[in-house]
């Protein structure tokens, strides 16, 4: 998922998703130096943990 798709899926802003990513609360994958993607399984796990 793109960053915007992940935001829509979680119901958060891009800034909030960035904070989750920086603190290690949500998993992400880098595709090159600037592109970040998210797997739905990782986002589901994040939701199940209760954020």
Protein backbone atom coordinates (compact mmCIF):
# COMPACT_ATOMS: atom_id res chain seq x y z
CA UNK A 1 0.00 0.00 0.00
CA UNK A 2 1.10 3.53 -0.60
CA UNK A 3 1.42 5.96 2.27
CA UNK A 4 -1.93 7.57 1.45
CA UNK A 5 -3.66 4.19 1.19
CA UNK A 6 -2.24 3.20 4.58
CA UNK A 7 -3.48 6.49 6.08
CA UNK A 8 -6.95 5.89 4.70
CA UNK A 9 -6.91 2.29 5.93
CA UNK A 10 -5.91 3.30 9.46
CA UNK A 11 -7.93 6.51 9.51
CA UNK A 12 -4.97 8.70 10.41
CA UNK A 13 -3.12 11.63 8.88
CA UNK A 14 0.21 11.34 7.11
CA UNK A 15 1.93 13.03 10.06
CA UNK A 16 0.51 10.46 12.46
CA UNK A 17 1.54 7.57 10.22
CA UNK A 18 5.03 9.06 9.99
CA UNK A 19 5.22 9.22 13.81
CA UNK A 20 4.09 5.59 14.07
CA UNK A 21 6.77 4.63 11.55
CA UNK A 22 9.54 6.61 13.28
CA UNK A 23 8.76 5.08 16.68
CA UNK A 24 8.57 1.55 15.26
CA UNK A 25 4.88 1.09 16.03
CA UNK A 26 4.00 0.19 12.44
CA UNK A 27 6.09 -1.86 10.02
CA UNK A 28 7.04 -0.47 6.62
CA UNK A 29 9.23 -1.39 3.68
CA UNK A 30 11.51 0.83 1.63
CA UNK A 31 11.57 0.59 -2.14
CA UNK A 32 14.51 2.78 -2.95
CA UNK A 33 15.67 5.88 -1.10
CA UNK A 34 12.33 7.74 -1.12
CA UNK A 35 9.54 5.23 -1.59
CA UNK A 36 7.91 3.59 1.42
CA UNK A 37 5.14 1.00 1.23
CA UNK A 38 3.03 -0.79 3.81
CA UNK A 39 1.67 -4.34 3.83
CA UNK A 40 -1.94 -4.82 4.86
CA UNK A 41 -0.91 -7.70 7.14
CA UNK A 42 1.40 -5.36 9.06
CA UNK A 43 -1.31 -2.73 9.37
CA UNK A 44 -3.80 -5.35 10.56
CA UNK A 45 -1.29 -6.49 13.19
CA UNK A 46 -0.87 -2.88 14.31
CA UNK A 47 -4.66 -2.52 14.67
CA UNK A 48 -4.95 -5.80 16.60
CA UNK A 49 -2.28 -4.68 19.08
CA UNK A 50 -4.48 -1.70 19.90
CA UNK A 51 -2.08 0.87 18.46
